[in-house]
Amino acid sequence: MEYIYAALLLHKLKKDITTENIVKIMKAVGVEPDEIRAKALIAALGEVKIDDVLKNAAIAPVPAQPLAPAVAAAAPEAAPEKPAKEEKKEEALEGLSSLFG
């Protein structure tokens, strides 16, 4: 996949998409280049018009609203914890009062 990214980067910068340029990019980012993969990519891209492919590429839709409200709505509410503690205290007091009549 990184070889395709390298080819797209070269295309974006209006540089020749050659094996040598792809190998240079791979070395620049710290990846040991595989010249066979680079040559195979160049051969596969031979007659491909990258601009046309990019124009026709499907783009994932962006959500209309930020995700924070959806996450907040999905979060469990912490309010029921306090009444549960208060109920336990009341039960404990009732238990003590039953001991002393």
PDB file of N, CA and C in Angstrom:
ATOM      1  N   MET A   1       0.821  -1.188   0.000  1.00  0.00           N
ATOM      2  CA  MET A   1       0.000   0.000   0.000  1.00  0.00           C
ATOM      3  C   MET A   1       0.871   1.260   0.000  1.00  0.00           C
ATOM      4  N   GLU A   2       1.997   1.183   0.713  1.00  0.00           N
ATOM      5  CA  GLU A   2       2.865   2.357   0.780  1.00  0.00           C
ATOM      6  C   GLU A   2       3.438   2.724  -0.581  1.00  0.00           C
ATOM      7  N   TYR A   3       3.548   1.755  -1.478  1.00  0.00           N
ATOM      8  CA  TYR A   3       4.052   2.051  -2.824  1.00  0.00           C
ATOM      9  C   TYR A   3       3.002   2.846  -3.612  1.00  0.00           C
ATOM     10  N   ILE A   4       1.753   2.535  -3.388  1.00  0.00           N
ATOM     11  CA  ILE A   4       0.678   3.291  -4.036  1.00  0.00           C
ATOM     12  C   ILE A   4       0.645   4.723  -3.488  1.00  0.00           C
ATOM     13  N   TYR A   5       0.824   4.850  -2.183  1.00  0.00           N
ATOM     14  CA  TYR A   5       0.879   6.193  -1.595  1.00  0.00           C
ATOM     15  C   TYR A   5       2.036   6.997  -2.179  1.00  0.00           C
ATOM     16  N   ALA A   6       3.167   6.329  -2.364  1.00  0.00           N
ATOM     17  CA  ALA A   6       4.325   7.006  -2.955  1.00  0.00           C
ATOM     18  C   ALA A   6       3.995   7.478  -4.364  1.00  0.00           C
ATOM     19  N   ALA A   7       3.311   6.633  -5.139  1.00  0.00           N
ATOM     20  CA  ALA A   7       2.935   7.017  -6.501  1.00  0.00           C
ATOM     21  C   ALA A   7       1.954   8.189  -6.479  1.00  0.00           C
ATOM     22  N   LEU A   8       1.018   8.165  -5.537  1.00  0.00           N
ATOM     23  CA  LEU A   8       0.060   9.271  -5.425  1.00  0.00           C
ATOM     24  C   LEU A   8       0.765  10.564  -5.018  1.00  0.00           C
ATOM     25  N   LEU A   9       1.735  10.459  -4.141  1.00  0.00           N
ATOM     26  CA  LEU A   9       2.496  11.633  -3.735  1.00  0.00           C
ATOM     27  C   LEU A   9       3.260  12.214  -4.921  1.00  0.00           C
ATOM     28  N   LEU A  10       3.907  11.361  -5.685  1.00  0.00           N
ATOM     29  CA  LEU A  10       4.620  11.831  -6.877  1.00  0.00           C
ATOM     30  C   LEU A  10       3.669  12.491  -7.860  1.00  0.00           C
ATOM     31  N   HIS A  11       2.495  11.891  -8.033  1.00  0.00           N
ATOM     32  CA  HIS A  11       1.496  12.457  -8.940  1.00  0.00           C
ATOM     33  C   HIS A  11       1.052  13.838  -8.459  1.00  0.00           C
ATOM     34  N   LYS A  12       0.780  13.940  -7.165  1.00  0.00           N
ATOM     35  CA  LYS A  12       0.329  15.205  -6.590  1.00  0.00           C
ATOM     36  C   LYS A  12       1.379  16.304  -6.772  1.00  0.00           C
ATOM     37  N   LEU A  13       2.644  15.925  -6.652  1.00  0.00           N
ATOM     38  CA  LEU A  13       3.734  16.885  -6.795  1.00  0.00           C
ATOM     39  C   LEU A  13       4.156  17.092  -8.245  1.00  0.00           C
ATOM     40  N   LYS A  14       3.423  16.452  -9.152  1.00  0.00           N
ATOM     41  CA  LYS A  14       3.692  16.549 -10.595  1.00  0.00           C
ATOM     42  C   LYS A  14       5.120  16.107 -10.942  1.00  0.00           C
ATOM     43  N   LYS A  15       5.559  15.038 -10.262  1.00  0.00           N
ATOM     44  CA  LYS A  15       6.858  14.421 -10.530  1.00  0.00           C
ATOM     45  C   LYS A  15       6.625  13.146 -11.330  1.00  0.00           C
ATOM     46  N   ASP A  16       7.649  12.704 -12.026  1.00  0.00           N
ATOM     47  CA  ASP A  16       7.546  11.456 -12.780  1.00  0.00           C
ATOM     48  C   ASP A  16       7.405  10.280 -11.815  1.00  0.00           C
ATOM     49  N   ILE A  17       6.458   9.405 -12.128  1.00  0.00           N
ATOM     50  CA  ILE A  17       6.271   8.208 -11.314  1.00  0.00           C
ATOM     51  C   ILE A  17       7.175   7.130 -11.913  1.00  0.00           C
ATOM     52  N   THR A  18       8.353   7.030 -11.335  1.00  0.00           N
ATOM     53  CA  THR A  18       9.341   6.068 -11.809  1.00  0.00           C
ATOM     54  C   THR A  18       9.767   5.165 -10.654  1.00  0.00           C
ATOM     55  N   THR A  19      10.379   4.052 -11.018  1.00  0.00           N
ATOM     56  CA  THR A  19      10.892   3.132 -10.000  1.00  0.00           C
ATOM     57  C   THR A  19      11.885   3.842  -9.094  1.00  0.00           C
ATOM     58  N   GLU A  20      12.750   4.626  -9.691  1.00  0.00           N
ATOM     59  CA  GLU A  20      13.766   5.327  -8.905  1.00  0.00           C
ATOM     60  C   GLU A  20      13.140   6.287  -7.904  1.00  0.00           C
ATOM     61  N   ASN A  21      12.132   7.032  -8.327  1.00  0.00           N
ATOM     62  CA  ASN A  21      11.485   7.995  -7.430  1.00  0.00           C
ATOM     63  C   ASN A  21      10.730   7.287  -6.301  1.00  0.00           C
ATOM     64  N   ILE A  22      10.092   6.179  -6.610  1.00  0.00           N
ATOM     65  CA  ILE A  22       9.381   5.432  -5.568  1.00  0.00           C
ATOM     66  C   ILE A  22      10.373   4.874  -4.557  1.00  0.00           C
ATOM     67  N   VAL A  23      11.501   4.355  -5.059  1.00  0.00           N
ATOM     68  CA  VAL A  23      12.537   3.830  -4.168  1.00  0.00           C
ATOM     69  C   VAL A  23      13.084   4.947  -3.275  1.00  0.00           C
ATOM     70  N   LYS A  24      13.264   6.134  -3.826  1.00  0.00           N
ATOM     71  CA  LYS A  24      13.755   7.268  -3.032  1.00  0.00           C
ATOM     72  C   LYS A  24      12.771   7.610  -1.906  1.00  0.00           C
ATOM     73  N   ILE A  25      11.493   7.593  -2.212  1.00  0.00           N
ATOM     74  CA  ILE A  25      10.483   7.903  -1.193  1.00  0.00           C
ATOM     75  C   ILE A  25      10.500   6.846  -0.100  1.00  0.00           C
ATOM     76  N   MET A  26      10.585   5.581  -0.481  1.00  0.00           N
ATOM     77  CA  MET A  26      10.614   4.503   0.510  1.00  0.00           C
ATOM     78  C   MET A  26      11.823   4.664   1.436  1.00  0.00           C
ATOM     79  N   LYS A  27      12.975   4.972   0.862  1.00  0.00           N
ATOM     80  CA  LYS A  27      14.169   5.182   1.686  1.00  0.00           C
ATOM     81  C   LYS A  27      14.008   6.391   2.591  1.00  0.00           C
ATOM     82  N   ALA A  28      13.384   7.451   2.079  1.00  0.00           N
ATOM     83  CA  ALA A  28      13.212   8.681   2.849  1.00  0.00           C
ATOM     84  C   ALA A  28      12.343   8.475   4.082  1.00  0.00           C
ATOM     85  N   VAL A  29      11.385   7.569   3.998  1.00  0.00           N
ATOM     86  CA  VAL A  29      10.498   7.336   5.143  1.00  0.00           C
ATOM     87  C   VAL A  29      10.975   6.179   6.016  1.00  0.00           C
ATOM     88  N   GLY A  30      12.148   5.642   5.691  1.00  0.00           N
ATOM     89  CA  GLY A  30      12.722   4.614   6.542  1.00  0.00           C
ATOM     90  C   GLY A  30      12.286   3.203   6.246  1.00  0.00           C
ATOM     91  N   VAL A  31      11.768   2.966   5.052  1.00  0.00           N
ATOM     92  CA  VAL A  31      11.343   1.626   4.650  1.00  0.00           C
ATOM     93  C   VAL A  31      12.371   1.069   3.678  1.00  0.00           C
ATOM     94  N   GLU A  32      12.754  -0.181   3.870  1.00  0.00           N
ATOM     95  CA  GLU A  32      13.682  -0.823   2.944  1.00  0.00           C
ATOM     96  C   GLU A  32      12.914  -1.081   1.638  1.00  0.00           C
ATOM     97  N   PRO A  33      13.275  -0.400   0.556  1.00  0.00           N
ATOM     98  CA  PRO A  33      12.509  -0.521  -0.685  1.00  0.00           C
ATOM     99  C   PRO A  33      12.701  -1.872  -1.359  1.00  0.00           C
ATOM    100  N   ASP A  34      11.627  -2.308  -2.001  1.00  0.00           N
ATOM    101  CA  ASP A  34      11.637  -3.531  -2.801  1.00  0.00           C
ATOM    102  C   ASP A  34      11.466  -3.094  -4.255  1.00  0.00           C
ATOM    103  N   GLU A  35      12.539  -3.126  -5.008  1.00  0.00           N
ATOM    104  CA  GLU A  35      12.500  -2.628  -6.384  1.00  0.00           C
ATOM    105  C   GLU A  35      11.546  -3.430  -7.256  1.00  0.00           C
ATOM    106  N   ILE A  36      11.384  -4.699  -6.970  1.00  0.00           N
ATOM    107  CA  ILE A  36      10.450  -5.526  -7.755  1.00  0.00           C
ATOM    108  C   ILE A  36       9.029  -5.017  -7.575  1.00  0.00           C
ATOM    109  N   ARG A  37       8.651  -4.691  -6.342  1.00  0.00           N
ATOM    110  CA  ARG A  37       7.312  -4.133  -6.093  1.00  0.00           C
ATOM    111  C   ARG A  37       7.147  -2.786  -6.788  1.00  0.00           C
ATOM    112  N   ALA A  38       8.182  -1.967  -6.725  1.00  0.00           N
ATOM    113  CA  ALA A  38       8.116  -0.657  -7.370  1.00  0.00           C
ATOM    114  C   ALA A  38       7.955  -0.811  -8.879  1.00  0.00           C
ATOM    115  N   LYS A  39       8.712  -1.734  -9.479  1.00  0.00           N
ATOM    116  CA  LYS A  39       8.596  -1.974 -10.931  1.00  0.00           C
ATOM    117  C   LYS A  39       7.227  -2.525 -11.293  1.00  0.00           C
ATOM    118  N   ALA A  40       6.694  -3.409 -10.447  1.00  0.00           N
ATOM    119  CA  ALA A  40       5.359  -3.966 -10.703  1.00  0.00           C
ATOM    120  C   ALA A  40       4.300  -2.875 -10.649  1.00  0.00           C
ATOM    121  N   LEU A  41       4.435  -1.958  -9.706  1.00  0.00           N
ATOM    122  CA  LEU A  41       3.488  -0.847  -9.614  1.00  0.00           C
ATOM    123  C   LEU A  41       3.567   0.036 -10.848  1.00  0.00           C
ATOM    124  N   ILE A  42       4.780   0.346 -11.289  1.00  0.00           N
ATOM    125  CA  ILE A  42       4.951   1.175 -12.483  1.00  0.00           C
ATOM    126  C   ILE A  42       4.309   0.497 -13.685  1.00  0.00           C
ATOM    127  N   ALA A  43       4.487  -0.811 -13.810  1.00  0.00           N
ATOM    128  CA  ALA A  43       3.883  -1.550 -14.920  1.00  0.00           C
ATOM    129  C   ALA A  43       2.356  -1.525 -14.817  1.00  0.00           C
ATOM    130  N   ALA A  44       1.826  -1.667 -13.599  1.00  0.00           N
ATOM    131  CA  ALA A  44       0.372  -1.673 -13.410  1.00  0.00           C
ATOM    132  C   ALA A  44      -0.234  -0.306 -13.687  1.00  0.00           C
ATOM    133  N   LEU A  45       0.509   0.745 -13.406  1.00  0.00           N
ATOM    134  CA  LEU A  45       0.001   2.099 -13.625  1.00  0.00           C
ATOM    135  C   LEU A  45       0.227   2.584 -15.053  1.00  0.00           C
ATOM    136  N   GLY A  46       0.806   1.755 -15.899  1.00  0.00           N
ATOM    137  CA  GLY A  46       1.181   2.144 -17.253  1.00  0.00           C
ATOM    138  C   GLY A  46       0.166   2.981 -17.996  1.00  0.00           C
ATOM    139  N   GLU A  47      -1.038   2.516 -18.150  1.00  0.00           N
ATOM    140  CA  GLU A  47      -2.070   3.219 -18.924  1.00  0.00           C
ATOM    141  C   GLU A  47      -3.143   3.860 -18.048  1.00  0.00           C
ATOM    142  N   VAL A  48      -2.935   3.858 -16.745  1.00  0.00           N
ATOM    143  CA  VAL A  48      -3.932   4.412 -15.818  1.00  0.00           C
ATOM    144  C   VAL A  48      -3.813   5.932 -15.787  1.00  0.00           C
ATOM    145  N   LYS A  49      -4.952   6.591 -15.907  1.00  0.00           N
ATOM    146  CA  LYS A  49      -5.001   8.048 -15.768  1.00  0.00           C
ATOM    147  C   LYS A  49      -5.418   8.339 -14.333  1.00  0.00           C
ATOM    148  N   ILE A  50      -4.438   8.679 -13.529  1.00  0.00           N
ATOM    149  CA  ILE A  50      -4.654   8.824 -12.092  1.00  0.00           C
ATOM    150  C   ILE A  50      -5.683   9.913 -11.777  1.00  0.00           C
ATOM    151  N   ASP A  51      -5.658  11.015 -12.517  1.00  0.00           N
ATOM    152  CA  ASP A  51      -6.640  12.080 -12.276  1.00  0.00           C
ATOM    153  C   ASP A  51      -8.062  11.567 -12.437  1.00  0.00           C
ATOM    154  N   ASP A  52      -8.311  10.768 -13.467  1.00  0.00           N
ATOM    155  CA  ASP A  52      -9.653  10.221 -13.693  1.00  0.00           C
ATOM    156  C   ASP A  52     -10.054   9.261 -12.576  1.00  0.00           C
ATOM    157  N   VAL A  53      -9.116   8.455 -12.147  1.00  0.00           N
ATOM    158  CA  VAL A  53      -9.406   7.504 -11.075  1.00  0.00           C
ATOM    159  C   VAL A  53      -9.743   8.246  -9.783  1.00  0.00           C
ATOM    160  N   LEU A  54      -8.985   9.285  -9.478  1.00  0.00           N
ATOM    161  CA  LEU A  54      -9.241  10.049  -8.256  1.00  0.00           C
ATOM    162  C   LEU A  54     -10.578  10.784  -8.313  1.00  0.00           C
ATOM    163  N   LYS A  55     -10.946  11.278  -9.494  1.00  0.00           N
ATOM    164  CA  LYS A  55     -12.234  11.978  -9.626  1.00  0.00           C
ATOM    165  C   LYS A  55     -13.405  11.029  -9.419  1.00  0.00           C
ATOM    166  N   ASN A  56     -13.247   9.785  -9.843  1.00  0.00           N
ATOM    167  CA  ASN A  56     -14.335   8.808  -9.751  1.00  0.00           C
ATOM    168  C   ASN A  56     -14.292   7.975  -8.476  1.00  0.00           C
ATOM    169  N   ALA A  57     -13.327   8.231  -7.630  1.00  0.00           N
ATOM    170  CA  ALA A  57     -13.204   7.453  -6.395  1.00  0.00           C
ATOM    171  C   ALA A  57     -14.341   7.782  -5.447  1.00  0.00           C
ATOM    172  N   ALA A  58     -14.843   6.763  -4.780  1.00  0.00           N
ATOM    173  CA  ALA A  58     -15.902   6.964  -3.787  1.00  0.00           C
ATOM    174  C   ALA A  58     -15.281   7.546  -2.532  1.00  0.00           C
ATOM    175  N   ILE A  59     -15.914   8.564  -1.983  1.00  0.00           N
ATOM    176  CA  ILE A  59     -15.437   9.210  -0.765  1.00  0.00           C
ATOM    177  C   ILE A  59     -16.459   8.942   0.331  1.00  0.00           C
ATOM    178  N   ALA A  60     -15.974   8.538   1.485  1.00  0.00           N
ATOM    179  CA  ALA A  60     -16.857   8.265   2.608  1.00  0.00           C
ATOM    180  C   ALA A  60     -17.503   9.557   3.077  1.00  0.00           C
ATOM    181  N   PRO A  61     -18.812   9.534   3.352  1.00  0.00           N
ATOM    182  CA  PRO A  61     -19.477  10.753   3.825  1.00  0.00           C
ATOM    183  C   PRO A  61     -18.999  11.143   5.214  1.00  0.00           C
ATOM    184  N   VAL A  62     -18.938  12.438   5.444  1.00  0.00           N
ATOM    185  CA  VAL A  62     -18.527  12.981   6.735  1.00  0.00           C
ATOM    186  C   VAL A  62     -19.781  13.212   7.561  1.00  0.00           C
ATOM    187  N   PRO A  63     -19.775  12.820   8.842  1.00  0.00           N
ATOM    188  CA  PRO A  63     -20.961  13.055   9.659  1.00  0.00           C
ATOM    189  C   PRO A  63     -21.282  14.543   9.751  1.00  0.00           C
ATOM    190  N   ALA A  64     -22.572  14.856   9.732  1.00  0.00           N
ATOM    191  CA  ALA A  64     -23.011  16.249   9.770  1.00  0.00           C
ATOM    192  C   ALA A  64     -22.776  16.878  11.139  1.00  0.00           C
ATOM    193  N   GLN A  65     -22.858  16.074  12.201  1.00  0.00           N
ATOM    194  CA  GLN A  65     -22.699  16.592  13.553  1.00  0.00           C
ATOM    195  C   GLN A  65     -21.428  16.022  14.168  1.00  0.00           C
ATOM    196  N   PRO A  66     -20.865  16.730  15.114  1.00  0.00           N
ATOM    197  CA  PRO A  66     -19.700  16.179  15.808  1.00  0.00           C
ATOM    198  C   PRO A  66     -20.084  14.920  16.569  1.00  0.00           C
ATOM    199  N   LEU A  67     -19.137  14.077  16.824  1.00  0.00           N
ATOM    200  CA  LEU A  67     -19.405  12.820  17.509  1.00  0.00           C
ATOM    201  C   LEU A  67     -19.606  12.982  19.008  1.00  0.00           C
ATOM    202  N   ALA A  68     -19.154  14.060  19.594  1.00  0.00           N
ATOM    203  CA  ALA A  68     -19.238  14.235  21.048  1.00  0.00           C
ATOM    204  C   ALA A  68     -20.665  14.124  21.583  1.00  0.00           C
ATOM    205  N   PRO A  69     -21.682  14.767  20.970  1.00  0.00           N
ATOM    206  CA  PRO A  69     -23.037  14.604  21.506  1.00  0.00           C
ATOM    207  C   PRO A  69     -23.530  13.167  21.440  1.00  0.00           C
ATOM    208  N   ALA A  70     -23.159  12.446  20.392  1.00  0.00           N
ATOM    209  CA  ALA A  70     -23.599  11.059  20.274  1.00  0.00           C
ATOM    210  C   ALA A  70     -22.945  10.196  21.342  1.00  0.00           C
ATOM    211  N   VAL A  71     -21.689  10.456  21.614  1.00  0.00           N
ATOM    212  CA  VAL A  71     -20.983   9.700  22.639  1.00  0.00           C
ATOM    213  C   VAL A  71     -21.565  10.024  24.004  1.00  0.00           C
ATOM    214  N   ALA A  72     -21.850  11.282  24.258  1.00  0.00           N
ATOM    215  CA  ALA A  72     -22.425  11.677  25.540  1.00  0.00           C
ATOM    216  C   ALA A  72     -23.806  11.068  25.730  1.00  0.00           C
ATOM    217  N   ALA A  73     -24.578  10.985  24.672  1.00  0.00           N
ATOM    218  CA  ALA A  73     -25.917  10.404  24.765  1.00  0.00           C
ATOM    219  C   ALA A  73     -25.854   8.912  25.033  1.00  0.00           C
ATOM    220  N   ALA A  74     -24.820   8.260  24.528  1.00  0.00           N
ATOM    221  CA  ALA A  74     -24.691   6.825  24.712  1.00  0.00           C
ATOM    222  C   ALA A  74     -24.087   6.454  26.057  1.00  0.00           C
ATOM    223  N   ALA A  75     -23.477   7.405  26.745  1.00  0.00           N
ATOM    224  CA  ALA A  75     -22.835   7.127  28.037  1.00  0.00           C
ATOM    225  C   ALA A  75     -23.893   6.871  29.106  1.00  0.00           C
ATOM    226  N   PRO A  76     -23.655   5.907  29.973  1.00  0.00           N
ATOM    227  CA  PRO A  76     -24.633   5.636  31.040  1.00  0.00           C
ATOM    228  C   PRO A  76     -24.646   6.784  32.041  1.00  0.00           C
ATOM    229  N   GLU A  77     -25.807   7.008  32.608  1.00  0.00           N
ATOM    230  CA  GLU A  77     -25.951   8.098  33.565  1.00  0.00           C
ATOM    231  C   GLU A  77     -25.428   7.667  34.934  1.00  0.00           C
ATOM    232  N   ALA A  78     -24.791   8.580  35.627  1.00  0.00           N
ATOM    233  CA  ALA A  78     -24.236   8.277  36.939  1.00  0.00           C
ATOM    234  C   ALA A  78     -25.193   8.648  38.066  1.00  0.00           C
ATOM    235  N   ALA A  79     -26.284   9.309  37.762  1.00  0.00           N
ATOM    236  CA  ALA A  79     -27.213   9.779  38.794  1.00  0.00           C
ATOM    237  C   ALA A  79     -27.824   8.662  39.633  1.00  0.00           C
ATOM    238  N   PRO A  80     -28.196   7.508  39.115  1.00  0.00           N
ATOM    239  CA  PRO A  80     -28.839   6.486  39.943  1.00  0.00           C
ATOM    240  C   PRO A  80     -27.968   5.961  41.082  1.00  0.00           C
ATOM    241  N   GLU A  81     -26.658   6.169  41.060  1.00  0.00           N
ATOM    242  CA  GLU A  81     -25.793   5.664  42.114  1.00  0.00           C
ATOM    243  C   GLU A  81     -26.089   6.308  43.462  1.00  0.00           C
ATOM    244  N   LYS A  82     -26.346   7.596  43.493  1.00  0.00           N
ATOM    245  CA  LYS A  82     -26.586   8.283  44.765  1.00  0.00           C
ATOM    246  C   LYS A  82     -27.851   7.776  45.441  1.00  0.00           C
ATOM    247  N   PRO A  83     -28.980   7.664  44.753  1.00  0.00           N
ATOM    248  CA  PRO A  83     -30.162   7.145  45.435  1.00  0.00           C
ATOM    249  C   PRO A  83     -29.963   5.722  45.944  1.00  0.00           C
ATOM    250  N   ALA A  84     -29.213   4.910  45.231  1.00  0.00           N
ATOM    251  CA  ALA A  84     -28.976   3.544  45.685  1.00  0.00           C
ATOM    252  C   ALA A  84     -28.216   3.551  47.003  1.00  0.00           C
ATOM    253  N   LYS A  85     -27.253   4.441  47.174  1.00  0.00           N
ATOM    254  CA  LYS A  85     -26.515   4.542  48.430  1.00  0.00           C
ATOM    255  C   LYS A  85     -27.422   5.025  49.553  1.00  0.00           C
ATOM    256  N   GLU A  86     -28.278   5.995  49.229  1.00  0.00           N
ATOM    257  CA  GLU A  86     -29.205   6.514  50.237  1.00  0.00           C
ATOM    258  C   GLU A  86     -30.193   5.437  50.668  1.00  0.00           C
ATOM    259  N   GLU A  87     -30.661   4.606  49.729  1.00  0.00           N
ATOM    260  CA  GLU A  87     -31.582   3.525  50.066  1.00  0.00           C
ATOM    261  C   GLU A  87     -30.907   2.519  50.990  1.00  0.00           C
ATOM    262  N   LYS A  88     -29.642   2.240  50.762  1.00  0.00           N
ATOM    263  CA  LYS A  88     -28.916   1.297  51.617  1.00  0.00           C
ATOM    264  C   LYS A  88     -28.806   1.840  53.033  1.00  0.00           C
ATOM    265  N   LYS A  89     -28.575   3.152  53.159  1.00  0.00           N
ATOM    266  CA  LYS A  89     -28.485   3.763  54.483  1.00  0.00           C
ATOM    267  C   LYS A  89     -29.811   3.647  55.208  1.00  0.00           C
ATOM    268  N   GLU A  90     -30.907   3.916  54.468  1.00  0.00           N
ATOM    269  CA  GLU A  90     -32.233   3.836  55.083  1.00  0.00           C
ATOM    270  C   GLU A  90     -32.541   2.414  55.516  1.00  0.00           C
ATOM    271  N   GLU A  91     -32.170   1.422  54.690  1.00  0.00           N
ATOM    272  CA  GLU A  91     -32.409   0.023  55.059  1.00  0.00           C
ATOM    273  C   GLU A  91     -31.610  -0.355  56.297  1.00  0.00           C
ATOM    274  N   ALA A  92     -30.384   0.168  56.363  1.00  0.00           N
ATOM    275  CA  ALA A  92     -29.558  -0.129  57.545  1.00  0.00           C
ATOM    276  C   ALA A  92     -30.174   0.470  58.810  1.00  0.00           C
ATOM    277  N   LEU A  93     -30.674   1.682  58.706  1.00  0.00           N
ATOM    278  CA  LEU A  93     -31.308   2.314  59.867  1.00  0.00           C
ATOM    279  C   LEU A  93     -32.582   1.582  60.274  1.00  0.00           C
ATOM    280  N   GLU A  94     -33.356   1.132  59.310  1.00  0.00           N
ATOM    281  CA  GLU A  94     -34.555   0.377  59.623  1.00  0.00           C
ATOM    282  C   GLU A  94     -34.207  -0.925  60.321  1.00  0.00           C
ATOM    283  N   GLY A  95     -33.144  -1.553  59.875  1.00  0.00           N
ATOM    284  CA  GLY A  95     -32.701  -2.804  60.512  1.00  0.00           C
ATOM    285  C   GLY A  95     -32.297  -2.587  61.965  1.00  0.00           C
ATOM    286  N   LEU A  96     -31.612  -1.475  62.231  1.00  0.00           N
ATOM    287  CA  LEU A  96     -31.206  -1.157  63.605  1.00  0.00           C
ATOM    288  C   LEU A  96     -32.414  -0.845  64.484  1.00  0.00           C
ATOM    289  N   SER A  97     -33.386  -0.129  63.924  1.00  0.00           N
ATOM    290  CA  SER A  97     -34.570   0.230  64.719  1.00  0.00           C
ATOM    291  C   SER A  97     -35.392  -0.996  65.044  1.00  0.00           C
ATOM    292  N   SER A  98     -35.369  -1.983  64.192  1.00  0.00           N
ATOM    293  CA  SER A  98     -36.143  -3.200  64.487  1.00  0.00           C
ATOM    294  C   SER A  98     -35.509  -3.991  65.634  1.00  0.00           C
ATOM    295  N   LEU A  99     -34.240  -3.825  65.851  1.00  0.00           N
ATOM    296  CA  LEU A  99     -33.570  -4.497  66.970  1.00  0.00           C
ATOM    297  C   LEU A  99     -34.016  -3.931  68.321  1.00  0.00           C
ATOM    298  N   PHE A 100     -34.307  -2.615  68.334  1.00  0.00           N
ATOM    299  CA  PHE A 100     -34.655  -1.970  69.589  1.00  0.00           C
ATOM    300  C   PHE A 100     -36.157  -1.725  69.745  1.00  0.00           C
ATOM    301  N   GLY A 101     -36.943  -2.320  68.925  1.00  0.00           N
ATOM    302  CA  GLY A 101     -38.373  -2.323  69.097  1.00  0.00           C
ATOM    303  C   GLY A 101     -39.042  -1.144  68.637  1.00  0.00           C
TER     304      GLY A 101
END
